[in-house]
């Protein structure tokens, strides 16, 4: 009974977290457009940051509560679910080529390599944290150099004021949901007798990836495939360059080599597949069957990974 209550409270916390993220990103986008910020930059920064906000706030709450394993597992697990599950589902619905700016893949690839160095080192050092912050600066530089789409008309003052209020409410939801999730994720791990890392890689990772799924579904329904790829790139980069430095600067964590042997190699392979598919979407003739097969394989790989973590396989 105690386990069921903890799981319900954990899901409640994740629900508030996701709701807060959606409110925050939706209304932050309105604010940005009112201020005249380019639409493409809004998509690749505010949307990506908004959908990564749960992971970021989970990291802050986890470090404060001394549960860095949950934050670390959530960051890696979320990136795995973003590619294998969310992009996998997206591949099933793609019906045309997408002109993605491939320069955005550079910080994406570098963030994965930096993660590998950190895991081999078995800790997140101060210098590595600074390096990750440097990758964030590189990511922003690449985005600002990217030619964007025409700016949209500014919103009405009343809509701007409303968005300021609702984005603040979303931020409160993010903070509250993150704290609730961390507390009951730890309790659930203790009751189930499994590590906090596994909880982060599974329940927390999937829960905090729900904003990415919502943004992806919305983009697909509008036929904006380039936003799908951009959201995955931006979200995965921000998950690493924001979450890991928080642990490195303010926490103390020893990384198990199991993460290298199991989780990192899976993320590395998935990232290579994603990069190849993103390049193919931009440079090659669109072949729908290729993406359907890729999508099925990606989704299958995700459920295989979860089954392995759960000890089913």
C-alpha atoms as a PDB file:
ATOM      1  CA  UNK A   1       0.000   0.000   0.000  1.00  0.00           C
ATOM      2  CA  UNK A   2       2.839   2.382   0.884  1.00  0.00           C
ATOM      3  CA  UNK A   3       4.461   1.703  -2.508  1.00  0.00           C
ATOM      4  CA  UNK A   4       1.204   2.479  -4.349  1.00  0.00           C
ATOM      5  CA  UNK A   5       0.795   5.767  -2.448  1.00  0.00           C
ATOM      6  CA  UNK A   6       4.392   6.766  -3.256  1.00  0.00           C
ATOM      7  CA  UNK A   7       3.932   5.943  -6.950  1.00  0.00           C
ATOM      8  CA  UNK A   8       0.721   7.998  -7.083  1.00  0.00           C
ATOM      9  CA  UNK A   9       2.460  10.942  -5.436  1.00  0.00           C
ATOM     10  CA  UNK A  10       5.443  10.552  -7.798  1.00  0.00           C
ATOM     11  CA  UNK A  11       3.123  10.630 -10.824  1.00  0.00           C
ATOM     12  CA  UNK A  12       1.338  13.632  -9.320  1.00  0.00           C
ATOM     13  CA  UNK A  13       4.676  15.445  -9.003  1.00  0.00           C
ATOM     14  CA  UNK A  14       5.634  14.602 -12.592  1.00  0.00           C
ATOM     15  CA  UNK A  15       2.202  15.793 -13.792  1.00  0.00           C
ATOM     16  CA  UNK A  16       2.691  19.184 -12.104  1.00  0.00           C
ATOM     17  CA  UNK A  17       6.228  19.298 -13.525  1.00  0.00           C
ATOM     18  CA  UNK A  18       5.037  18.674 -17.093  1.00  0.00           C
ATOM     19  CA  UNK A  19       2.074  21.051 -16.748  1.00  0.00           C
ATOM     20  CA  UNK A  20       4.380  23.774 -15.475  1.00  0.00           C
ATOM     21  CA  UNK A  21       6.814  23.167 -18.337  1.00  0.00           C
ATOM     22  CA  UNK A  22       4.043  23.459 -20.928  1.00  0.00           C
ATOM     23  CA  UNK A  23       2.720  26.711 -19.444  1.00  0.00           C
ATOM     24  CA  UNK A  24       6.228  28.105 -19.147  1.00  0.00           C
ATOM     25  CA  UNK A  25       7.267  27.342 -22.732  1.00  0.00           C
ATOM     26  CA  UNK A  26       3.956  28.388 -24.323  1.00  0.00           C
ATOM     27  CA  UNK A  27       3.844  31.795 -22.689  1.00  0.00           C
ATOM     28  CA  UNK A  28       7.588  32.422 -22.799  1.00  0.00           C
ATOM     29  CA  UNK A  29       7.262  32.034 -26.560  1.00  0.00           C
ATOM     30  CA  UNK A  30       4.542  34.721 -26.638  1.00  0.00           C
ATOM     31  CA  UNK A  31       6.759  37.031 -24.548  1.00  0.00           C
ATOM     32  CA  UNK A  32       9.740  36.449 -26.868  1.00  0.00           C
ATOM     33  CA  UNK A  33       7.714  37.208 -29.978  1.00  0.00           C
ATOM     34  CA  UNK A  34       6.345  40.360 -28.372  1.00  0.00           C
ATOM     35  CA  UNK A  35       9.945  41.458 -27.803  1.00  0.00           C
ATOM     36  CA  UNK A  36      10.725  40.804 -31.486  1.00  0.00           C
ATOM     37  CA  UNK A  37      12.910  37.716 -31.070  1.00  0.00           C
ATOM     38  CA  UNK A  38      13.307  35.644 -34.250  1.00  0.00           C
ATOM     39  CA  UNK A  39      10.851  32.744 -34.593  1.00  0.00           C
ATOM     40  CA  UNK A  40      13.542  30.153 -35.345  1.00  0.00           C
ATOM     41  CA  UNK A  41      15.555  31.196 -32.301  1.00  0.00           C
ATOM     42  CA  UNK A  42      12.358  30.906 -30.230  1.00  0.00           C
ATOM     43  CA  UNK A  43      11.835  27.377 -31.522  1.00  0.00           C
ATOM     44  CA  UNK A  44      15.362  26.136 -30.914  1.00  0.00           C
ATOM     45  CA  UNK A  45      15.922  27.895 -27.597  1.00  0.00           C
ATOM     46  CA  UNK A  46      12.687  28.619 -25.739  1.00  0.00           C
ATOM     47  CA  UNK A  47      10.902  25.472 -26.870  1.00  0.00           C
ATOM     48  CA  UNK A  48      13.980  23.334 -26.278  1.00  0.00           C
ATOM     49  CA  UNK A  49      14.654  25.027 -22.929  1.00  0.00           C
ATOM     50  CA  UNK A  50      11.021  24.736 -21.925  1.00  0.00           C
ATOM     51  CA  UNK A  51      10.841  21.041 -22.724  1.00  0.00           C
ATOM     52  CA  UNK A  52      14.168  20.549 -20.900  1.00  0.00           C
ATOM     53  CA  UNK A  53      13.016  22.572 -17.910  1.00  0.00           C
ATOM     54  CA  UNK A  54      11.752  19.484 -15.994  1.00  0.00           C
ATOM     55  CA  UNK A  55      15.193  17.851 -16.212  1.00  0.00           C
ATOM     56  CA  UNK A  56      16.889  21.099 -15.168  1.00  0.00           C
ATOM     57  CA  UNK A  57      14.634  21.619 -12.164  1.00  0.00           C
ATOM     58  CA  UNK A  58      14.926  17.945 -11.226  1.00  0.00           C
ATOM     59  CA  UNK A  59      18.718  18.441 -11.203  1.00  0.00           C
ATOM     60  CA  UNK A  60      18.496  21.514  -8.973  1.00  0.00           C
ATOM     61  CA  UNK A  61      16.119  19.767  -6.549  1.00  0.00           C
ATOM     62  CA  UNK A  62      18.207  16.585  -6.606  1.00  0.00           C
ATOM     63  CA  UNK A  63      21.439  18.414  -5.760  1.00  0.00           C
ATOM     64  CA  UNK A  64      19.710  20.325  -2.945  1.00  0.00           C
ATOM     65  CA  UNK A  65      18.359  17.018  -1.578  1.00  0.00           C
ATOM     66  CA  UNK A  66      21.651  15.141  -2.111  1.00  0.00           C
ATOM     67  CA  UNK A  67      20.200  12.845  -4.806  1.00  0.00           C
ATOM     68  CA  UNK A  68      22.593  13.547  -7.704  1.00  0.00           C
ATOM     69  CA  UNK A  69      22.142   9.991  -9.056  1.00  0.00           C
ATOM     70  CA  UNK A  70      18.517  10.813  -9.894  1.00  0.00           C
ATOM     71  CA  UNK A  71      19.538  13.990 -11.748  1.00  0.00           C
ATOM     72  CA  UNK A  72      22.304  12.212 -13.682  1.00  0.00           C
ATOM     73  CA  UNK A  73      20.065   9.267 -14.580  1.00  0.00           C
ATOM     74  CA  UNK A  74      17.235  11.595 -15.623  1.00  0.00           C
ATOM     75  CA  UNK A  75      19.499  13.560 -17.987  1.00  0.00           C
ATOM     76  CA  UNK A  76      20.868  10.456 -19.743  1.00  0.00           C
ATOM     77  CA  UNK A  77      17.560   8.563 -19.701  1.00  0.00           C
ATOM     78  CA  UNK A  78      15.671  11.554 -21.061  1.00  0.00           C
ATOM     79  CA  UNK A  79      18.104  11.892 -23.975  1.00  0.00           C
ATOM     80  CA  UNK A  80      17.682   8.197 -24.734  1.00  0.00           C
ATOM     81  CA  UNK A  81      13.882   8.473 -24.669  1.00  0.00           C
ATOM     82  CA  UNK A  82      13.981  11.672 -26.769  1.00  0.00           C
ATOM     83  CA  UNK A  83      15.748   9.863 -29.607  1.00  0.00           C
ATOM     84  CA  UNK A  84      14.523   6.277 -29.320  1.00  0.00           C
ATOM     85  CA  UNK A  85      10.903   6.904 -28.349  1.00  0.00           C
ATOM     86  CA  UNK A  86       9.948  10.450 -29.344  1.00  0.00           C
ATOM     87  CA  UNK A  87      11.996  10.764 -32.539  1.00  0.00           C
ATOM     88  CA  UNK A  88      11.134   7.113 -33.268  1.00  0.00           C
ATOM     89  CA  UNK A  89       7.422   7.962 -33.170  1.00  0.00           C
ATOM     90  CA  UNK A  90       8.090  11.063 -35.277  1.00  0.00           C
ATOM     91  CA  UNK A  91       9.754   8.966 -37.994  1.00  0.00           C
ATOM     92  CA  UNK A  92       6.494   7.076 -38.492  1.00  0.00           C
ATOM     93  CA  UNK A  93       4.703  10.321 -39.410  1.00  0.00           C
ATOM     94  CA  UNK A  94       7.348  12.088 -41.496  1.00  0.00           C
ATOM     95  CA  UNK A  95       6.147  12.627 -45.067  1.00  0.00           C
ATOM     96  CA  UNK A  96       8.647  15.074 -46.541  1.00  0.00           C
ATOM     97  CA  UNK A  97      12.251  16.246 -46.292  1.00  0.00           C
ATOM     98  CA  UNK A  98      13.194  18.720 -43.578  1.00  0.00           C
ATOM     99  CA  UNK A  99      15.745  21.486 -44.110  1.00  0.00           C
ATOM    100  CA  UNK A 100      17.492  21.304 -40.752  1.00  0.00           C
ATOM    101  CA  UNK A 101      20.514  23.541 -40.197  1.00  0.00           C
ATOM    102  CA  UNK A 102      23.185  20.855 -39.809  1.00  0.00           C
ATOM    103  CA  UNK A 103      25.534  23.204 -37.950  1.00  0.00           C
ATOM    104  CA  UNK A 104      23.272  22.639 -34.927  1.00  0.00           C
ATOM    105  CA  UNK A 105      24.464  19.018 -34.886  1.00  0.00           C
ATOM    106  CA  UNK A 106      28.005  20.121 -33.935  1.00  0.00           C
ATOM    107  CA  UNK A 107      27.227  21.073 -30.305  1.00  0.00           C
ATOM    108  CA  UNK A 108      24.903  18.044 -30.162  1.00  0.00           C
ATOM    109  CA  UNK A 109      27.764  15.670 -31.046  1.00  0.00           C
ATOM    110  CA  UNK A 110      30.273  17.472 -28.819  1.00  0.00           C
ATOM    111  CA  UNK A 111      27.942  17.239 -25.807  1.00  0.00           C
ATOM    112  CA  UNK A 112      27.775  13.444 -26.225  1.00  0.00           C
ATOM    113  CA  UNK A 113      31.576  13.207 -26.450  1.00  0.00           C
ATOM    114  CA  UNK A 114      31.922  15.379 -23.341  1.00  0.00           C
ATOM    115  CA  UNK A 115      29.499  13.078 -21.503  1.00  0.00           C
ATOM    116  CA  UNK A 116      31.690  10.105 -22.450  1.00  0.00           C
ATOM    117  CA  UNK A 117      34.798  11.822 -21.028  1.00  0.00           C
ATOM    118  CA  UNK A 118      32.945  12.591 -17.804  1.00  0.00           C
ATOM    119  CA  UNK A 119      31.802   8.984 -17.355  1.00  0.00           C
ATOM    120  CA  UNK A 120      35.293   7.598 -18.041  1.00  0.00           C
ATOM    121  CA  UNK A 121      36.598  10.062 -15.430  1.00  0.00           C
ATOM    122  CA  UNK A 122      33.925   8.690 -13.003  1.00  0.00           C
ATOM    123  CA  UNK A 123      33.060  12.184 -11.746  1.00  0.00           C
ATOM    124  CA  UNK A 124      31.981  15.582 -13.018  1.00  0.00           C
ATOM    125  CA  UNK A 125      34.955  17.836 -12.342  1.00  0.00           C
ATOM    126  CA  UNK A 126      34.925  21.631 -12.176  1.00  0.00           C
ATOM    127  CA  UNK A 127      36.849  21.894 -15.479  1.00  0.00           C
ATOM    128  CA  UNK A 128      34.411  19.530 -17.214  1.00  0.00           C
ATOM    129  CA  UNK A 129      31.508  21.597 -15.922  1.00  0.00           C
ATOM    130  CA  UNK A 130      33.138  24.734 -17.341  1.00  0.00           C
ATOM    131  CA  UNK A 131      33.599  22.871 -20.649  1.00  0.00           C
ATOM    132  CA  UNK A 132      29.886  22.051 -20.732  1.00  0.00           C
ATOM    133  CA  UNK A 133      29.030  25.703 -20.114  1.00  0.00           C
ATOM    134  CA  UNK A 134      31.352  26.493 -23.034  1.00  0.00           C
ATOM    135  CA  UNK A 135      29.328  24.082 -25.186  1.00  0.00           C
ATOM    136  CA  UNK A 136      26.168  25.968 -24.231  1.00  0.00           C
ATOM    137  CA  UNK A 137      27.801  29.199 -25.400  1.00  0.00           C
ATOM    138  CA  UNK A 138      28.811  27.478 -28.665  1.00  0.00           C
ATOM    139  CA  UNK A 139      25.249  26.210 -29.104  1.00  0.00           C
ATOM    140  CA  UNK A 140      23.850  29.727 -28.662  1.00  0.00           C
ATOM    141  CA  UNK A 141      26.449  31.145 -31.058  1.00  0.00           C
ATOM    142  CA  UNK A 142      25.499  28.604 -33.746  1.00  0.00           C
ATOM    143  CA  UNK A 143      21.805  29.413 -33.266  1.00  0.00           C
ATOM    144  CA  UNK A 144      22.342  33.154 -33.530  1.00  0.00           C
ATOM    145  CA  UNK A 145      24.346  32.637 -36.730  1.00  0.00           C
ATOM    146  CA  UNK A 146      21.535  30.558 -38.209  1.00  0.00           C
ATOM    147  CA  UNK A 147      19.357  32.355 -40.703  1.00  0.00           C
ATOM    148  CA  UNK A 148      15.876  32.405 -39.284  1.00  0.00           C
ATOM    149  CA  UNK A 149      12.365  32.852 -40.573  1.00  0.00           C
ATOM    150  CA  UNK A 150      10.588  36.218 -40.733  1.00  0.00           C
ATOM    151  CA  UNK A 151       9.493  37.618 -37.419  1.00  0.00           C
ATOM    152  CA  UNK A 152       5.828  37.410 -36.539  1.00  0.00           C
ATOM    153  CA  UNK A 153       3.699  40.355 -35.476  1.00  0.00           C
ATOM    154  CA  UNK A 154       3.956  41.385 -31.875  1.00  0.00           C
ATOM    155  CA  UNK A 155       1.203  40.300 -29.516  1.00  0.00           C
ATOM    156  CA  UNK A 156      -1.260  42.727 -27.950  1.00  0.00           C
ATOM    157  CA  UNK A 157      -0.231  44.314 -24.622  1.00  0.00           C
ATOM    158  CA  UNK A 158      -3.035  42.441 -22.836  1.00  0.00           C
ATOM    159  CA  UNK A 159      -1.784  39.102 -24.211  1.00  0.00           C
ATOM    160  CA  UNK A 160       1.756  40.043 -23.175  1.00  0.00           C
ATOM    161  CA  UNK A 161       0.682  40.771 -19.579  1.00  0.00           C
ATOM    162  CA  UNK A 162      -1.320  37.557 -19.425  1.00  0.00           C
ATOM    163  CA  UNK A 163       1.665  35.562 -20.703  1.00  0.00           C
ATOM    164  CA  UNK A 164       3.959  37.132 -18.095  1.00  0.00           C
ATOM    165  CA  UNK A 165       1.581  35.991 -15.361  1.00  0.00           C
ATOM    166  CA  UNK A 166       1.024  32.493 -16.766  1.00  0.00           C
ATOM    167  CA  UNK A 167       4.731  31.900 -17.419  1.00  0.00           C
ATOM    168  CA  UNK A 168       5.372  32.775 -13.754  1.00  0.00           C
ATOM    169  CA  UNK A 169       2.666  30.280 -12.722  1.00  0.00           C
ATOM    170  CA  UNK A 170       4.327  27.673 -14.946  1.00  0.00           C
ATOM    171  CA  UNK A 171       7.667  28.354 -13.277  1.00  0.00           C
ATOM    172  CA  UNK A 172       6.105  27.800  -9.841  1.00  0.00           C
ATOM    173  CA  UNK A 173       4.649  24.515 -11.133  1.00  0.00           C
ATOM    174  CA  UNK A 174       8.081  23.471 -12.383  1.00  0.00           C
ATOM    175  CA  UNK A 175       9.714  24.119  -9.028  1.00  0.00           C
ATOM    176  CA  UNK A 176       6.958  22.445  -6.985  1.00  0.00           C
ATOM    177  CA  UNK A 177       6.660  19.464  -9.324  1.00  0.00           C
ATOM    178  CA  UNK A 178      10.425  18.912  -9.350  1.00  0.00           C
ATOM    179  CA  UNK A 179      10.622  18.873  -5.564  1.00  0.00           C
ATOM    180  CA  UNK A 180       7.654  16.514  -5.186  1.00  0.00           C
ATOM    181  CA  UNK A 181       9.045  14.204  -7.875  1.00  0.00           C
ATOM    182  CA  UNK A 182      12.507  13.987  -6.296  1.00  0.00           C
ATOM    183  CA  UNK A 183      11.182  13.213  -2.820  1.00  0.00           C
ATOM    184  CA  UNK A 184       8.851  10.432  -3.933  1.00  0.00           C
ATOM    185  CA  UNK A 185      11.252   9.066  -6.568  1.00  0.00           C
ATOM    186  CA  UNK A 186      13.751   8.478  -3.773  1.00  0.00           C
ATOM    187  CA  UNK A 187      11.068   6.888  -1.556  1.00  0.00           C
ATOM    188  CA  UNK A 188       9.938   4.630  -4.425  1.00  0.00           C
ATOM    189  CA  UNK A 189      13.525   3.529  -5.095  1.00  0.00           C
ATOM    190  CA  UNK A 190      14.000   2.621  -1.438  1.00  0.00           C
ATOM    191  CA  UNK A 191      10.713   0.683  -1.284  1.00  0.00           C
ATOM    192  CA  UNK A 192      11.487  -1.219  -4.509  1.00  0.00           C
ATOM    193  CA  UNK A 193      15.073  -1.864  -3.431  1.00  0.00           C
ATOM    194  CA  UNK A 194      16.519  -0.411  -6.654  1.00  0.00           C
ATOM    195  CA  UNK A 195      19.043   2.371  -7.165  1.00  0.00           C
ATOM    196  CA  UNK A 196      18.121   6.011  -7.590  1.00  0.00           C
ATOM    197  CA  UNK A 197      20.057   5.931 -10.881  1.00  0.00           C
ATOM    198  CA  UNK A 198      17.612   3.360 -12.304  1.00  0.00           C
ATOM    199  CA  UNK A 199      14.646   5.465 -11.124  1.00  0.00           C
ATOM    200  CA  UNK A 200      16.200   8.431 -12.925  1.00  0.00           C
ATOM    201  CA  UNK A 201      16.867   6.445 -16.098  1.00  0.00           C
ATOM    202  CA  UNK A 202      13.300   5.110 -16.271  1.00  0.00           C
ATOM    203  CA  UNK A 203      10.388   6.751 -14.432  1.00  0.00           C
ATOM    204  CA  UNK A 204      11.875  10.237 -14.111  1.00  0.00           C
ATOM    205  CA  UNK A 205      13.390  10.217 -17.611  1.00  0.00           C
ATOM    206  CA  UNK A 206      10.151   9.191 -19.296  1.00  0.00           C
ATOM    207  CA  UNK A 207       8.079  11.562 -17.177  1.00  0.00           C
ATOM    208  CA  UNK A 208      10.277  14.578 -17.878  1.00  0.00           C
ATOM    209  CA  UNK A 209      10.343  13.704 -21.600  1.00  0.00           C
ATOM    210  CA  UNK A 210       6.584  14.225 -21.856  1.00  0.00           C
ATOM    211  CA  UNK A 211       6.975  17.940 -22.799  1.00  0.00           C
ATOM    212  CA  UNK A 212       9.181  16.897 -25.742  1.00  0.00           C
ATOM    213  CA  UNK A 213       6.498  14.398 -26.766  1.00  0.00           C
ATOM    214  CA  UNK A 214       3.788  17.084 -26.530  1.00  0.00           C
ATOM    215  CA  UNK A 215       5.869  19.561 -28.576  1.00  0.00           C
ATOM    216  CA  UNK A 216       6.625  16.852 -31.154  1.00  0.00           C
ATOM    217  CA  UNK A 217       2.989  15.832 -31.584  1.00  0.00           C
ATOM    218  CA  UNK A 218       1.956  19.484 -31.954  1.00  0.00           C
ATOM    219  CA  UNK A 219       4.666  20.099 -34.576  1.00  0.00           C
ATOM    220  CA  UNK A 220       3.765  16.961 -36.541  1.00  0.00           C
ATOM    221  CA  UNK A 221       0.087  17.907 -36.593  1.00  0.00           C
ATOM    222  CA  UNK A 222       1.058  21.264 -38.111  1.00  0.00           C
ATOM    223  CA  UNK A 223       3.444  19.620 -40.597  1.00  0.00           C
ATOM    224  CA  UNK A 224       6.457  21.450 -39.142  1.00  0.00           C
ATOM    225  CA  UNK A 225       8.935  18.567 -39.272  1.00  0.00           C
ATOM    226  CA  UNK A 226      11.961  20.813 -38.901  1.00  0.00           C
ATOM    227  CA  UNK A 227      10.749  21.769 -35.425  1.00  0.00           C
ATOM    228  CA  UNK A 228      10.756  18.077 -34.432  1.00  0.00           C
ATOM    229  CA  UNK A 229      14.436  17.651 -35.296  1.00  0.00           C
ATOM    230  CA  UNK A 230      15.305  21.038 -33.807  1.00  0.00           C
ATOM    231  CA  UNK A 231      13.517  20.255 -30.561  1.00  0.00           C
ATOM    232  CA  UNK A 232      15.356  16.936 -30.149  1.00  0.00           C
ATOM    233  CA  UNK A 233      18.722  18.600 -30.846  1.00  0.00           C
ATOM    234  CA  UNK A 234      18.087  21.547 -28.534  1.00  0.00           C
ATOM    235  CA  UNK A 235      16.553  19.501 -25.739  1.00  0.00           C
ATOM    236  CA  UNK A 236      19.310  16.858 -25.730  1.00  0.00           C
ATOM    237  CA  UNK A 237      22.071  19.465 -25.737  1.00  0.00           C
ATOM    238  CA  UNK A 238      20.455  21.476 -22.936  1.00  0.00           C
ATOM    239  CA  UNK A 239      19.806  18.353 -20.850  1.00  0.00           C
ATOM    240  CA  UNK A 240      23.572  17.791 -20.712  1.00  0.00           C
ATOM    241  CA  UNK A 241      25.030  21.310 -20.721  1.00  0.00           C
ATOM    242  CA  UNK A 242      22.637  22.519 -17.996  1.00  0.00           C
ATOM    243  CA  UNK A 243      22.055  19.457 -15.812  1.00  0.00           C
ATOM    244  CA  UNK A 244      25.618  18.093 -15.579  1.00  0.00           C
ATOM    245  CA  UNK A 245      27.273  21.411 -14.625  1.00  0.00           C
ATOM    246  CA  UNK A 246      24.695  21.806 -11.814  1.00  0.00           C
ATOM    247  CA  UNK A 247      25.932  18.489 -10.411  1.00  0.00           C
ATOM    248  CA  UNK A 248      29.575  19.368 -11.093  1.00  0.00           C
ATOM    249  CA  UNK A 249      29.488  22.819  -9.497  1.00  0.00           C
ATOM    250  CA  UNK A 250      27.243  22.118  -6.514  1.00  0.00           C
ATOM    251  CA  UNK A 251      27.119  18.349  -5.936  1.00  0.00           C
ATOM    252  CA  UNK A 252      29.399  15.427  -5.207  1.00  0.00           C
ATOM    253  CA  UNK A 253      28.802  12.290  -7.235  1.00  0.00           C
ATOM    254  CA  UNK A 254      30.808   9.198  -8.077  1.00  0.00           C
ATOM    255  CA  UNK A 255      29.780   7.748 -11.448  1.00  0.00           C
ATOM    256  CA  UNK A 256      29.578   3.967 -11.742  1.00  0.00           C
ATOM    257  CA  UNK A 257      31.312   2.342 -14.735  1.00  0.00           C
ATOM    258  CA  UNK A 258      28.022   0.505 -15.335  1.00  0.00           C
ATOM    259  CA  UNK A 259      26.758   3.763 -16.816  1.00  0.00           C
ATOM    260  CA  UNK A 260      29.570   3.640 -19.405  1.00  0.00           C
ATOM    261  CA  UNK A 261      29.135  -0.050 -20.208  1.00  0.00           C
ATOM    262  CA  UNK A 262      25.341   0.085 -20.462  1.00  0.00           C
ATOM    263  CA  UNK A 263      23.727   3.530 -20.761  1.00  0.00           C
ATOM    264  CA  UNK A 264      26.350   5.676 -22.473  1.00  0.00           C
ATOM    265  CA  UNK A 265      27.037   3.278 -25.352  1.00  0.00           C
ATOM    266  CA  UNK A 266      23.300   3.019 -26.014  1.00  0.00           C
ATOM    267  CA  UNK A 267      22.983   6.819 -26.045  1.00  0.00           C
ATOM    268  CA  UNK A 268      26.055   7.089 -28.306  1.00  0.00           C
ATOM    269  CA  UNK A 269      24.637   4.622 -30.858  1.00  0.00           C
ATOM    270  CA  UNK A 270      21.223   6.303 -30.798  1.00  0.00           C
ATOM    271  CA  UNK A 271      22.836   9.728 -31.244  1.00  0.00           C
ATOM    272  CA  UNK A 272      24.810   8.533 -34.285  1.00  0.00           C
ATOM    273  CA  UNK A 273      21.612   7.098 -35.802  1.00  0.00           C
ATOM    274  CA  UNK A 274      19.792  10.379 -35.119  1.00  0.00           C
ATOM    275  CA  UNK A 275      22.568  12.453 -36.716  1.00  0.00           C
ATOM    276  CA  UNK A 276      22.588  10.240 -39.825  1.00  0.00           C
ATOM    277  CA  UNK A 277      18.794  10.453 -40.160  1.00  0.00           C
ATOM    278  CA  UNK A 278      18.842  14.239 -39.652  1.00  0.00           C
ATOM    279  CA  UNK A 279      21.477  14.592 -42.392  1.00  0.00           C
ATOM    280  CA  UNK A 280      19.491  12.277 -44.683  1.00  0.00           C
ATOM    281  CA  UNK A 281      16.332  14.355 -44.107  1.00  0.00           C
ATOM    282  CA  UNK A 282      18.192  17.460 -45.232  1.00  0.00           C
ATOM    283  CA  UNK A 283      20.522  16.203 -47.964  1.00  0.00           C
ATOM    284  CA  UNK A 284      18.938  13.117 -49.536  1.00  0.00           C
ATOM    285  CA  UNK A 285      15.755  12.316 -51.421  1.00  0.00           C
ATOM    286  CA  UNK A 286      12.958  11.549 -48.980  1.00  0.00           C
ATOM    287  CA  UNK A 287      12.124   7.819 -48.785  1.00  0.00           C
ATOM    288  CA  UNK A 288       9.195   7.269 -46.418  1.00  0.00           C
ATOM    289  CA  UNK A 289       9.833   3.530 -45.951  1.00  0.00           C
ATOM    290  CA  UNK A 290      13.341   4.302 -44.614  1.00  0.00           C
ATOM    291  CA  UNK A 291      11.908   6.424 -41.814  1.00  0.00           C
ATOM    292  CA  UNK A 292       9.109   4.005 -41.010  1.00  0.00           C
ATOM    293  CA  UNK A 293      11.631   1.172 -40.570  1.00  0.00           C
ATOM    294  CA  UNK A 294      13.952   3.473 -38.601  1.00  0.00           C
ATOM    295  CA  UNK A 295      11.087   4.579 -36.374  1.00  0.00           C
ATOM    296  CA  UNK A 296      10.034   1.009 -35.591  1.00  0.00           C
ATOM    297  CA  UNK A 297      13.622   0.015 -34.783  1.00  0.00           C
ATOM    298  CA  UNK A 298      14.116   3.065 -32.550  1.00  0.00           C
ATOM    299  CA  UNK A 299      10.899   2.421 -30.615  1.00  0.00           C
ATOM    300  CA  UNK A 300      11.754  -1.268 -30.248  1.00  0.00           C
ATOM    301  CA  UNK A 301      15.248  -0.374 -28.981  1.00  0.00           C
ATOM    302  CA  UNK A 302      13.738   1.881 -26.322  1.00  0.00           C
ATOM    303  CA  UNK A 303      11.420  -0.792 -24.933  1.00  0.00           C
ATOM    304  CA  UNK A 304      14.278  -3.317 -25.088  1.00  0.00           C
ATOM    305  CA  UNK A 305      16.438  -0.906 -23.070  1.00  0.00           C
ATOM    306  CA  UNK A 306      13.714  -0.378 -20.447  1.00  0.00           C
ATOM    307  CA  UNK A 307      13.118  -4.133 -20.215  1.00  0.00           C
ATOM    308  CA  UNK A 308      16.843  -4.639 -19.655  1.00  0.00           C
ATOM    309  CA  UNK A 309      16.912  -2.059 -16.860  1.00  0.00           C
ATOM    310  CA  UNK A 310      13.843  -3.649 -15.272  1.00  0.00           C
ATOM    311  CA  UNK A 311      15.549  -7.056 -15.332  1.00  0.00           C
ATOM    312  CA  UNK A 312      12.894  -8.572 -17.616  1.00  0.00           C
ATOM    313  CA  UNK A 313      15.564  -9.447 -20.218  1.00  0.00           C
END
